[in-house]
């Protein structure tokens, strides 16, 4: 039997254990950018021992936004995302991101 807390390698990526915080919409991105609350949440999850945390439901373009306080991927927020990923990495965890477009549900 494999221990859930043993390291796990997938291709070039090694997680410190086999736990992954799945994507669950945080609604912590006012102005569609990462907030201090978003930063603190994901850093705390990493500090708690998760192998990987997932930044949830990031719109790939402005027309793909479906919720208030949803992350919207664009060049200007890269430094904020990097600050968050660097903090998560410093705690020993990795980051993933759920990208999406709400399709015909867009406003």
PDB file of N, CA and C in Angstrom:
ATOM      1  N   UNK A   1       0.841  -1.174   0.000  1.00  0.00           N
ATOM      2  CA  UNK A   1       0.000   0.000   0.000  1.00  0.00           C
ATOM      3  C   UNK A   1       0.893   1.247   0.000  1.00  0.00           C
ATOM      4  N   UNK A   2       0.516   2.248  -0.776  1.00  0.00           N
ATOM      5  CA  UNK A   2       1.266   3.490  -0.860  1.00  0.00           C
ATOM      6  C   UNK A   2       0.808   4.451   0.234  1.00  0.00           C
ATOM      7  N   UNK A   3       1.758   5.068   0.872  1.00  0.00           N
ATOM      8  CA  UNK A   3       1.482   6.055   1.908  1.00  0.00           C
ATOM      9  C   UNK A   3       1.124   7.392   1.255  1.00  0.00           C
ATOM     10  N   UNK A   4      -0.025   7.962   1.606  1.00  0.00           N
ATOM     11  CA  UNK A   4      -0.480   9.228   1.026  1.00  0.00           C
ATOM     12  C   UNK A   4       0.509  10.368   1.290  1.00  0.00           C
ATOM     13  N   UNK A   5       1.325  10.226   2.322  1.00  0.00           N
ATOM     14  CA  UNK A   5       2.269  11.276   2.662  1.00  0.00           C
ATOM     15  C   UNK A   5       3.657  11.051   2.073  1.00  0.00           C
ATOM     16  N   UNK A   6       3.794  10.072   1.195  1.00  0.00           N
ATOM     17  CA  UNK A   6       5.084   9.853   0.529  1.00  0.00           C
ATOM     18  C   UNK A   6       5.165  10.735  -0.715  1.00  0.00           C
ATOM     19  N   UNK A   7       6.384  11.123  -1.107  1.00  0.00           N
ATOM     20  CA  UNK A   7       6.543  11.946  -2.315  1.00  0.00           C
ATOM     21  C   UNK A   7       5.984  11.239  -3.547  1.00  0.00           C
ATOM     22  N   UNK A   8       5.603  12.036  -4.537  1.00  0.00           N
ATOM     23  CA  UNK A   8       4.993  11.506  -5.755  1.00  0.00           C
ATOM     24  C   UNK A   8       5.534  12.288  -6.944  1.00  0.00           C
ATOM     25  N   UNK A   9       6.010  11.582  -7.955  1.00  0.00           N
ATOM     26  CA  UNK A   9       6.576  12.232  -9.139  1.00  0.00           C
ATOM     27  C   UNK A   9       5.690  11.968 -10.346  1.00  0.00           C
ATOM     28  N   UNK A  10       5.373  13.049 -11.063  1.00  0.00           N
ATOM     29  CA  UNK A  10       4.625  12.982 -12.316  1.00  0.00           C
ATOM     30  C   UNK A  10       5.474  13.741 -13.338  1.00  0.00           C
ATOM     31  N   UNK A  11       6.043  13.018 -14.294  1.00  0.00           N
ATOM     32  CA  UNK A  11       6.932  13.667 -15.258  1.00  0.00           C
ATOM     33  C   UNK A  11       8.058  14.383 -14.517  1.00  0.00           C
ATOM     34  N   UNK A  12       8.268  15.673 -14.805  1.00  0.00           N
ATOM     35  CA  UNK A  12       9.361  16.413 -14.165  1.00  0.00           C
ATOM     36  C   UNK A  12       8.997  17.017 -12.805  1.00  0.00           C
ATOM     37  N   UNK A  13       7.762  16.777 -12.336  1.00  0.00           N
ATOM     38  CA  UNK A  13       7.276  17.417 -11.108  1.00  0.00           C
ATOM     39  C   UNK A  13       7.221  16.403  -9.976  1.00  0.00           C
ATOM     40  N   UNK A  14       7.790  16.776  -8.839  1.00  0.00           N
ATOM     41  CA  UNK A  14       7.694  15.936  -7.650  1.00  0.00           C
ATOM     42  C   UNK A  14       6.959  16.699  -6.558  1.00  0.00           C
ATOM     43  N   UNK A  15       5.869  16.104  -6.088  1.00  0.00           N
ATOM     44  CA  UNK A  15       5.117  16.659  -4.970  1.00  0.00           C
ATOM     45  C   UNK A  15       5.662  16.069  -3.680  1.00  0.00           C
ATOM     46  N   UNK A  16       5.640  16.843  -2.618  1.00  0.00           N
ATOM     47  CA  UNK A  16       6.168  16.339  -1.350  1.00  0.00           C
ATOM     48  C   UNK A  16       5.299  15.237  -0.759  1.00  0.00           C
ATOM     49  N   UNK A  17       4.046  15.179  -1.197  1.00  0.00           N
ATOM     50  CA  UNK A  17       3.143  14.097  -0.807  1.00  0.00           C
ATOM     51  C   UNK A  17       2.049  13.998  -1.865  1.00  0.00           C
ATOM     52  N   UNK A  18       1.102  13.130  -1.670  1.00  0.00           N
ATOM     53  CA  UNK A  18       0.086  12.847  -2.687  1.00  0.00           C
ATOM     54  C   UNK A  18      -1.225  13.600  -2.454  1.00  0.00           C
ATOM     55  N   UNK A  19      -1.164  14.714  -1.725  1.00  0.00           N
ATOM     56  CA  UNK A  19      -2.375  15.496  -1.459  1.00  0.00           C
ATOM     57  C   UNK A  19      -2.416  16.719  -2.362  1.00  0.00           C
ATOM     58  N   UNK A  20      -3.590  16.977  -2.926  1.00  0.00           N
ATOM     59  CA  UNK A  20      -3.792  18.132  -3.810  1.00  0.00           C
ATOM     60  C   UNK A  20      -5.082  18.824  -3.402  1.00  0.00           C
ATOM     61  N   UNK A  21      -4.979  20.120  -3.154  1.00  0.00           N
ATOM     62  CA  UNK A  21      -6.188  20.906  -2.897  1.00  0.00           C
ATOM     63  C   UNK A  21      -6.830  21.126  -4.259  1.00  0.00           C
ATOM     64  N   UNK A  22      -8.006  20.561  -4.443  1.00  0.00           N
ATOM     65  CA  UNK A  22      -8.674  20.665  -5.739  1.00  0.00           C
ATOM     66  C   UNK A  22      -9.217  22.067  -5.960  1.00  0.00           C
ATOM     67  N   UNK A  23      -9.542  22.340  -7.186  1.00  0.00           N
ATOM     68  CA  UNK A  23     -10.092  23.641  -7.537  1.00  0.00           C
ATOM     69  C   UNK A  23     -11.472  23.804  -6.911  1.00  0.00           C
ATOM     70  N   UNK A  24     -11.640  24.874  -6.165  1.00  0.00           N
ATOM     71  CA  UNK A  24     -12.922  25.241  -5.564  1.00  0.00           C
ATOM     72  C   UNK A  24     -12.943  26.768  -5.544  1.00  0.00           C
ATOM     73  N   UNK A  25     -13.830  27.359  -6.270  1.00  0.00           N
ATOM     74  CA  UNK A  25     -13.866  28.802  -6.477  1.00  0.00           C
ATOM     75  C   UNK A  25     -13.769  29.559  -5.160  1.00  0.00           C
ATOM     76  N   UNK A  26     -12.716  30.365  -5.004  1.00  0.00           N
ATOM     77  CA  UNK A  26     -12.451  31.089  -3.762  1.00  0.00           C
ATOM     78  C   UNK A  26     -13.183  32.425  -3.659  1.00  0.00           C
ATOM     79  N   UNK A  27     -13.446  33.072  -4.799  1.00  0.00           N
ATOM     80  CA  UNK A  27     -14.059  34.418  -4.827  1.00  0.00           C
ATOM     81  C   UNK A  27     -13.232  35.409  -4.015  1.00  0.00           C
ATOM     82  N   UNK A  28     -11.913  35.327  -4.140  1.00  0.00           N
ATOM     83  CA  UNK A  28     -10.993  36.187  -3.392  1.00  0.00           C
ATOM     84  C   UNK A  28     -10.186  37.094  -4.313  1.00  0.00           C
ATOM     85  N   UNK A  29     -10.760  37.454  -5.452  1.00  0.00           N
ATOM     86  CA  UNK A  29     -10.015  38.244  -6.430  1.00  0.00           C
ATOM     87  C   UNK A  29     -10.797  39.487  -6.856  1.00  0.00           C
ATOM     88  N   UNK A  30     -10.959  40.462  -5.936  1.00  0.00           N
ATOM     89  CA  UNK A  30     -11.640  41.702  -6.334  1.00  0.00           C
ATOM     90  C   UNK A  30     -10.851  42.380  -7.456  1.00  0.00           C
ATOM     91  N   UNK A  31     -11.573  42.926  -8.412  1.00  0.00           N
ATOM     92  CA  UNK A  31     -10.898  43.490  -9.579  1.00  0.00           C
ATOM     93  C   UNK A  31     -10.299  42.412 -10.469  1.00  0.00           C
ATOM     94  N   UNK A  32     -10.696  41.164 -10.202  1.00  0.00           N
ATOM     95  CA  UNK A  32     -10.254  39.999 -10.981  1.00  0.00           C
ATOM     96  C   UNK A  32      -8.743  39.790 -10.902  1.00  0.00           C
ATOM     97  N   UNK A  33      -8.181  40.127  -9.727  1.00  0.00           N
ATOM     98  CA  UNK A  33      -6.755  39.929  -9.492  1.00  0.00           C
ATOM     99  C   UNK A  33      -6.555  39.358  -8.096  1.00  0.00           C
ATOM    100  N   UNK A  34      -5.440  38.668  -7.861  1.00  0.00           N
ATOM    101  CA  UNK A  34      -5.214  38.073  -6.543  1.00  0.00           C
ATOM    102  C   UNK A  34      -5.199  39.134  -5.441  1.00  0.00           C
ATOM    103  N   UNK A  35      -5.868  38.838  -4.342  1.00  0.00           N
ATOM    104  CA  UNK A  35      -5.912  39.747  -3.192  1.00  0.00           C
ATOM    105  C   UNK A  35      -4.995  39.209  -2.085  1.00  0.00           C
ATOM    106  N   UNK A  36      -4.831  39.976  -1.031  1.00  0.00           N
ATOM    107  CA  UNK A  36      -4.070  39.511   0.134  1.00  0.00           C
ATOM    108  C   UNK A  36      -4.756  38.279   0.726  1.00  0.00           C
ATOM    109  N   UNK A  37      -6.072  38.275   0.727  1.00  0.00           N
ATOM    110  CA  UNK A  37      -6.824  37.126   1.236  1.00  0.00           C
ATOM    111  C   UNK A  37      -6.508  35.861   0.425  1.00  0.00           C
ATOM    112  N   UNK A  38      -6.454  35.987  -0.898  1.00  0.00           N
ATOM    113  CA  UNK A  38      -6.094  34.890  -1.804  1.00  0.00           C
ATOM    114  C   UNK A  38      -4.688  34.396  -1.477  1.00  0.00           C
ATOM    115  N   UNK A  39      -3.744  35.340  -1.369  1.00  0.00           N
ATOM    116  CA  UNK A  39      -2.356  35.032  -1.036  1.00  0.00           C
ATOM    117  C   UNK A  39      -2.279  34.293   0.305  1.00  0.00           C
ATOM    118  N   UNK A  40      -2.916  34.867   1.323  1.00  0.00           N
ATOM    119  CA  UNK A  40      -2.866  34.270   2.665  1.00  0.00           C
ATOM    120  C   UNK A  40      -3.497  32.878   2.695  1.00  0.00           C
ATOM    121  N   UNK A  41      -4.596  32.703   1.973  1.00  0.00           N
ATOM    122  CA  UNK A  41      -5.280  31.412   1.952  1.00  0.00           C
ATOM    123  C   UNK A  41      -4.376  30.317   1.378  1.00  0.00           C
ATOM    124  N   UNK A  42      -3.849  30.550   0.189  1.00  0.00           N
ATOM    125  CA  UNK A  42      -3.043  29.518  -0.470  1.00  0.00           C
ATOM    126  C   UNK A  42      -1.724  29.282   0.257  1.00  0.00           C
ATOM    127  N   UNK A  43      -1.155  30.326   0.838  1.00  0.00           N
ATOM    128  CA  UNK A  43       0.067  30.151   1.628  1.00  0.00           C
ATOM    129  C   UNK A  43      -0.219  29.308   2.868  1.00  0.00           C
ATOM    130  N   UNK A  44      -1.362  29.543   3.510  1.00  0.00           N
ATOM    131  CA  UNK A  44      -1.740  28.766   4.694  1.00  0.00           C
ATOM    132  C   UNK A  44      -1.980  27.300   4.338  1.00  0.00           C
ATOM    133  N   UNK A  45      -2.613  27.048   3.210  1.00  0.00           N
ATOM    134  CA  UNK A  45      -2.845  25.670   2.764  1.00  0.00           C
ATOM    135  C   UNK A  45      -1.496  24.970   2.567  1.00  0.00           C
ATOM    136  N   UNK A  46      -0.546  25.679   1.965  1.00  0.00           N
ATOM    137  CA  UNK A  46       0.793  25.113   1.761  1.00  0.00           C
ATOM    138  C   UNK A  46       1.488  24.873   3.098  1.00  0.00           C
ATOM    139  N   UNK A  47       1.386  25.835   3.985  1.00  0.00           N
ATOM    140  CA  UNK A  47       1.999  25.707   5.312  1.00  0.00           C
ATOM    141  C   UNK A  47       1.401  24.515   6.069  1.00  0.00           C
ATOM    142  N   UNK A  48       0.143  24.220   5.795  1.00  0.00           N
ATOM    143  CA  UNK A  48      -0.530  23.102   6.444  1.00  0.00           C
ATOM    144  C   UNK A  48      -0.077  21.732   5.958  1.00  0.00           C
ATOM    145  N   UNK A  49       0.689  21.689   4.873  1.00  0.00           N
ATOM    146  CA  UNK A  49       1.277  20.432   4.440  1.00  0.00           C
ATOM    147  C   UNK A  49       0.780  19.861   3.122  1.00  0.00           C
ATOM    148  N   UNK A  50      -0.101  20.564   2.435  1.00  0.00           N
ATOM    149  CA  UNK A  50      -0.609  20.062   1.157  1.00  0.00           C
ATOM    150  C   UNK A  50       0.548  19.893   0.158  1.00  0.00           C
ATOM    151  N   UNK A  51       0.425  18.939  -0.736  1.00  0.00           N
ATOM    152  CA  UNK A  51       1.451  18.758  -1.765  1.00  0.00           C
ATOM    153  C   UNK A  51       1.337  19.789  -2.869  1.00  0.00           C
ATOM    154  N   UNK A  52       0.088  20.107  -3.250  1.00  0.00           N
ATOM    155  CA  UNK A  52      -0.165  21.094  -4.301  1.00  0.00           C
ATOM    156  C   UNK A  52      -1.489  21.789  -4.012  1.00  0.00           C
ATOM    157  N   UNK A  53      -1.522  23.091  -4.205  1.00  0.00           N
ATOM    158  CA  UNK A  53      -2.765  23.849  -4.098  1.00  0.00           C
ATOM    159  C   UNK A  53      -3.164  24.324  -5.490  1.00  0.00           C
ATOM    160  N   UNK A  54      -4.452  24.455  -5.717  1.00  0.00           N
ATOM    161  CA  UNK A  54      -4.954  24.861  -7.028  1.00  0.00           C
ATOM    162  C   UNK A  54      -5.661  26.199  -6.933  1.00  0.00           C
ATOM    163  N   UNK A  55      -5.175  27.169  -7.718  1.00  0.00           N
ATOM    164  CA  UNK A  55      -5.856  28.456  -7.850  1.00  0.00           C
ATOM    165  C   UNK A  55      -7.069  28.183  -8.747  1.00  0.00           C
ATOM    166  N   UNK A  56      -8.262  28.522  -8.253  1.00  0.00           N
ATOM    167  CA  UNK A  56      -9.463  28.025  -8.908  1.00  0.00           C
ATOM    168  C   UNK A  56     -10.132  28.995  -9.876  1.00  0.00           C
ATOM    169  N   UNK A  57     -10.646  28.404 -10.901  1.00  0.00           N
ATOM    170  CA  UNK A  57     -11.489  28.985 -11.930  1.00  0.00           C
ATOM    171  C   UNK A  57     -11.047  30.363 -12.411  1.00  0.00           C
ATOM    172  N   UNK A  58      -9.895  30.380 -13.047  1.00  0.00           N
ATOM    173  CA  UNK A  58      -9.353  31.605 -13.630  1.00  0.00           C
ATOM    174  C   UNK A  58      -9.845  31.740 -15.070  1.00  0.00           C
ATOM    175  N   UNK A  59     -10.464  32.867 -15.367  1.00  0.00           N
ATOM    176  CA  UNK A  59     -10.963  33.111 -16.725  1.00  0.00           C
ATOM    177  C   UNK A  59      -9.779  33.390 -17.652  1.00  0.00           C
ATOM    178  N   UNK A  60      -9.842  32.831 -18.842  1.00  0.00           N
ATOM    179  CA  UNK A  60      -8.755  33.020 -19.798  1.00  0.00           C
ATOM    180  C   UNK A  60      -8.863  34.346 -20.552  1.00  0.00           C
ATOM    181  N   UNK A  61     -10.019  34.965 -20.515  1.00  0.00           N
ATOM    182  CA  UNK A  61     -10.199  36.281 -21.143  1.00  0.00           C
ATOM    183  C   UNK A  61     -11.349  37.002 -20.434  1.00  0.00           C
ATOM    184  N   UNK A  62     -11.412  38.312 -20.610  1.00  0.00           N
ATOM    185  CA  UNK A  62     -12.421  39.100 -19.907  1.00  0.00           C
ATOM    186  C   UNK A  62     -13.837  38.659 -20.248  1.00  0.00           C
ATOM    187  N   UNK A  63     -14.078  38.309 -21.513  1.00  0.00           N
ATOM    188  CA  UNK A  63     -15.427  37.878 -21.897  1.00  0.00           C
ATOM    189  C   UNK A  63     -15.793  36.522 -21.300  1.00  0.00           C
ATOM    190  N   UNK A  64     -14.810  35.821 -20.755  1.00  0.00           N
ATOM    191  CA  UNK A  64     -15.056  34.523 -20.152  1.00  0.00           C
ATOM    192  C   UNK A  64     -15.330  34.579 -18.660  1.00  0.00           C
ATOM    193  N   UNK A  65     -15.367  35.792 -18.085  1.00  0.00           N
ATOM    194  CA  UNK A  65     -15.674  35.924 -16.665  1.00  0.00           C
ATOM    195  C   UNK A  65     -17.129  35.551 -16.410  1.00  0.00           C
ATOM    196  N   UNK A  66     -17.354  34.809 -15.339  1.00  0.00           N
ATOM    197  CA  UNK A  66     -18.721  34.427 -15.011  1.00  0.00           C
ATOM    198  C   UNK A  66     -19.112  34.793 -13.580  1.00  0.00           C
ATOM    199  N   UNK A  67     -18.145  35.217 -12.774  1.00  0.00           N
ATOM    200  CA  UNK A  67     -18.424  35.550 -11.382  1.00  0.00           C
ATOM    201  C   UNK A  67     -17.696  36.820 -10.965  1.00  0.00           C
ATOM    202  N   UNK A  68     -18.292  37.528 -10.034  1.00  0.00           N
ATOM    203  CA  UNK A  68     -17.613  38.646  -9.392  1.00  0.00           C
ATOM    204  C   UNK A  68     -16.473  38.058  -8.562  1.00  0.00           C
ATOM    205  N   UNK A  69     -15.386  38.763  -8.473  1.00  0.00           N
ATOM    206  CA  UNK A  69     -14.209  38.342  -7.697  1.00  0.00           C
ATOM    207  C   UNK A  69     -13.565  37.061  -8.215  1.00  0.00           C
ATOM    208  N   UNK A  70     -13.706  36.831  -9.508  1.00  0.00           N
ATOM    209  CA  UNK A  70     -13.074  35.685 -10.174  1.00  0.00           C
ATOM    210  C   UNK A  70     -11.733  36.133 -10.742  1.00  0.00           C
ATOM    211  N   UNK A  71     -10.736  35.290 -10.670  1.00  0.00           N
ATOM    212  CA  UNK A  71      -9.424  35.576 -11.249  1.00  0.00           C
ATOM    213  C   UNK A  71      -9.535  35.648 -12.766  1.00  0.00           C
ATOM    214  N   UNK A  72      -8.900  36.658 -13.351  1.00  0.00           N
ATOM    215  CA  UNK A  72      -8.855  36.826 -14.813  1.00  0.00           C
ATOM    216  C   UNK A  72      -7.394  36.872 -15.219  1.00  0.00           C
ATOM    217  N   UNK A  73      -6.969  35.919 -16.026  1.00  0.00           N
ATOM    218  CA  UNK A  73      -5.576  35.815 -16.442  1.00  0.00           C
ATOM    219  C   UNK A  73      -5.236  36.899 -17.453  1.00  0.00           C
ATOM    220  N   UNK A  74      -4.222  37.697 -17.119  1.00  0.00           N
ATOM    221  CA  UNK A  74      -3.709  38.723 -18.017  1.00  0.00           C
ATOM    222  C   UNK A  74      -2.317  39.118 -17.544  1.00  0.00           C
ATOM    223  N   UNK A  75      -1.558  39.673 -18.438  1.00  0.00           N
ATOM    224  CA  UNK A  75      -0.155  39.993 -18.186  1.00  0.00           C
ATOM    225  C   UNK A  75       0.054  40.825 -16.917  1.00  0.00           C
ATOM    226  N   UNK A  76      -0.809  41.782 -16.669  1.00  0.00           N
ATOM    227  CA  UNK A  76      -0.593  42.698 -15.540  1.00  0.00           C
ATOM    228  C   UNK A  76      -0.692  42.046 -14.160  1.00  0.00           C
ATOM    229  N   UNK A  77      -1.268  40.858 -14.056  1.00  0.00           N
ATOM    230  CA  UNK A  77      -1.348  40.214 -12.741  1.00  0.00           C
ATOM    231  C   UNK A  77      -0.251  39.171 -12.514  1.00  0.00           C
ATOM    232  N   UNK A  78       0.605  38.978 -13.487  1.00  0.00           N
ATOM    233  CA  UNK A  78       1.680  37.985 -13.357  1.00  0.00           C
ATOM    234  C   UNK A  78       2.545  38.234 -12.118  1.00  0.00           C
ATOM    235  N   UNK A  79       2.955  39.476 -11.821  1.00  0.00           N
ATOM    236  CA  UNK A  79       3.760  39.672 -10.605  1.00  0.00           C
ATOM    237  C   UNK A  79       3.032  39.240  -9.324  1.00  0.00           C
ATOM    238  N   UNK A  80       1.719  39.465  -9.251  1.00  0.00           N
ATOM    239  CA  UNK A  80       0.951  39.052  -8.071  1.00  0.00           C
ATOM    240  C   UNK A  80       0.857  37.532  -7.972  1.00  0.00           C
ATOM    241  N   UNK A  81       0.652  36.876  -9.106  1.00  0.00           N
ATOM    242  CA  UNK A  81       0.615  35.412  -9.119  1.00  0.00           C
ATOM    243  C   UNK A  81       1.980  34.831  -8.757  1.00  0.00           C
ATOM    244  N   UNK A  82       3.044  35.452  -9.255  1.00  0.00           N
ATOM    245  CA  UNK A  82       4.396  34.989  -8.936  1.00  0.00           C
ATOM    246  C   UNK A  82       4.678  35.137  -7.448  1.00  0.00           C
ATOM    247  N   UNK A  83       4.251  36.234  -6.853  1.00  0.00           N
ATOM    248  CA  UNK A  83       4.440  36.428  -5.408  1.00  0.00           C
ATOM    249  C   UNK A  83       3.756  35.301  -4.642  1.00  0.00           C
ATOM    250  N   UNK A  84       2.558  34.937  -5.063  1.00  0.00           N
ATOM    251  CA  UNK A  84       1.811  33.870  -4.391  1.00  0.00           C
ATOM    252  C   UNK A  84       2.475  32.515  -4.618  1.00  0.00           C
ATOM    253  N   UNK A  85       2.856  32.208  -5.845  1.00  0.00           N
ATOM    254  CA  UNK A  85       3.492  30.913  -6.105  1.00  0.00           C
ATOM    255  C   UNK A  85       4.829  30.816  -5.384  1.00  0.00           C
ATOM    256  N   UNK A  86       5.582  31.917  -5.328  1.00  0.00           N
ATOM    257  CA  UNK A  86       6.857  31.898  -4.599  1.00  0.00           C
ATOM    258  C   UNK A  86       6.633  31.592  -3.118  1.00  0.00           C
ATOM    259  N   UNK A  87       5.595  32.177  -2.523  1.00  0.00           N
ATOM    260  CA  UNK A  87       5.293  31.940  -1.108  1.00  0.00           C
ATOM    261  C   UNK A  87       4.859  30.495  -0.876  1.00  0.00           C
ATOM    262  N   UNK A  88       4.045  29.959  -1.774  1.00  0.00           N
ATOM    263  CA  UNK A  88       3.610  28.562  -1.668  1.00  0.00           C
ATOM    264  C   UNK A  88       4.822  27.635  -1.792  1.00  0.00           C
ATOM    265  N   UNK A  89       5.694  27.929  -2.760  1.00  0.00           N
ATOM    266  CA  UNK A  89       6.901  27.114  -2.940  1.00  0.00           C
ATOM    267  C   UNK A  89       7.799  27.181  -1.700  1.00  0.00           C
ATOM    268  N   UNK A  90       7.898  28.360  -1.088  1.00  0.00           N
ATOM    269  CA  UNK A  90       8.722  28.516   0.118  1.00  0.00           C
ATOM    270  C   UNK A  90       8.211  27.641   1.268  1.00  0.00           C
ATOM    271  N   UNK A  91       6.912  27.325   1.235  1.00  0.00           N
ATOM    272  CA  UNK A  91       6.320  26.449   2.255  1.00  0.00           C
ATOM    273  C   UNK A  91       6.442  24.970   1.882  1.00  0.00           C
ATOM    274  N   UNK A  92       7.011  24.686   0.702  1.00  0.00           N
ATOM    275  CA  UNK A  92       7.255  23.302   0.299  1.00  0.00           C
ATOM    276  C   UNK A  92       6.216  22.689  -0.616  1.00  0.00           C
ATOM    277  N   UNK A  93       5.214  23.463  -1.011  1.00  0.00           N
ATOM    278  CA  UNK A  93       4.152  22.945  -1.879  1.00  0.00           C
ATOM    279  C   UNK A  93       4.301  23.497  -3.301  1.00  0.00           C
ATOM    280  N   UNK A  94       3.531  22.964  -4.204  1.00  0.00           N
ATOM    281  CA  UNK A  94       3.482  23.442  -5.585  1.00  0.00           C
ATOM    282  C   UNK A  94       2.114  24.045  -5.857  1.00  0.00           C
ATOM    283  N   UNK A  95       1.991  24.719  -7.002  1.00  0.00           N
ATOM    284  CA  UNK A  95       0.733  25.367  -7.401  1.00  0.00           C
ATOM    285  C   UNK A  95       0.294  24.849  -8.758  1.00  0.00           C
ATOM    286  N   UNK A  96      -1.002  24.777  -8.928  1.00  0.00           N
ATOM    287  CA  UNK A  96      -1.607  24.549 -10.235  1.00  0.00           C
ATOM    288  C   UNK A  96      -2.708  25.594 -10.376  1.00  0.00           C
ATOM    289  N   UNK A  97      -3.248  25.701 -11.571  1.00  0.00           N
ATOM    290  CA  UNK A  97      -4.316  26.678 -11.785  1.00  0.00           C
ATOM    291  C   UNK A  97      -5.383  26.058 -12.680  1.00  0.00           C
ATOM    292  N   UNK A  98      -6.632  26.312 -12.348  1.00  0.00           N
ATOM    293  CA  UNK A  98      -7.753  25.846 -13.153  1.00  0.00           C
ATOM    294  C   UNK A  98      -8.132  26.992 -14.091  1.00  0.00           C
ATOM    295  N   UNK A  99      -7.949  26.788 -15.373  1.00  0.00           N
ATOM    296  CA  UNK A  99      -8.302  27.790 -16.379  1.00  0.00           C
ATOM    297  C   UNK A  99      -9.640  27.425 -16.996  1.00  0.00           C
ATOM    298  N   UNK A 100     -10.428  28.439 -17.313  1.00  0.00           N
ATOM    299  CA  UNK A 100     -11.718  28.158 -17.912  1.00  0.00           C
ATOM    300  C   UNK A 100     -12.311  29.352 -18.632  1.00  0.00           C
ATOM    301  N   UNK A 101     -13.362  29.094 -19.336  1.00  0.00           N
ATOM    302  CA  UNK A 101     -14.158  30.113 -20.009  1.00  0.00           C
ATOM    303  C   UNK A 101     -15.597  29.653 -19.883  1.00  0.00           C
ATOM    304  N   UNK A 102     -16.454  30.525 -19.425  1.00  0.00           N
ATOM    305  CA  UNK A 102     -17.827  30.087 -19.138  1.00  0.00           C
ATOM    306  C   UNK A 102     -18.653  29.858 -20.402  1.00  0.00           C
ATOM    307  N   UNK A 103     -18.073  30.061 -21.569  1.00  0.00           N
ATOM    308  CA  UNK A 103     -18.754  29.731 -22.817  1.00  0.00           C
ATOM    309  C   UNK A 103     -20.037  30.514 -23.013  1.00  0.00           C
ATOM    310  N   UNK A 104     -21.120  29.816 -23.348  1.00  0.00           N
ATOM    311  CA  UNK A 104     -22.371  30.508 -23.653  1.00  0.00           C
ATOM    312  C   UNK A 104     -23.050  31.083 -22.420  1.00  0.00           C
ATOM    313  N   UNK A 105     -22.444  30.891 -21.229  1.00  0.00           N
ATOM    314  CA  UNK A 105     -23.001  31.487 -20.020  1.00  0.00           C
ATOM    315  C   UNK A 105     -22.451  32.890 -19.766  1.00  0.00           C
ATOM    316  N   UNK A 106     -21.519  33.356 -20.621  1.00  0.00           N
ATOM    317  CA  UNK A 106     -20.908  34.667 -20.386  1.00  0.00           C
ATOM    318  C   UNK A 106     -21.953  35.770 -20.461  1.00  0.00           C
ATOM    319  N   UNK A 107     -21.686  36.833 -19.763  1.00  0.00           N
ATOM    320  CA  UNK A 107     -22.637  37.947 -19.687  1.00  0.00           C
ATOM    321  C   UNK A 107     -22.611  38.755 -20.962  1.00  0.00           C
TER     322      UNK A 107
END
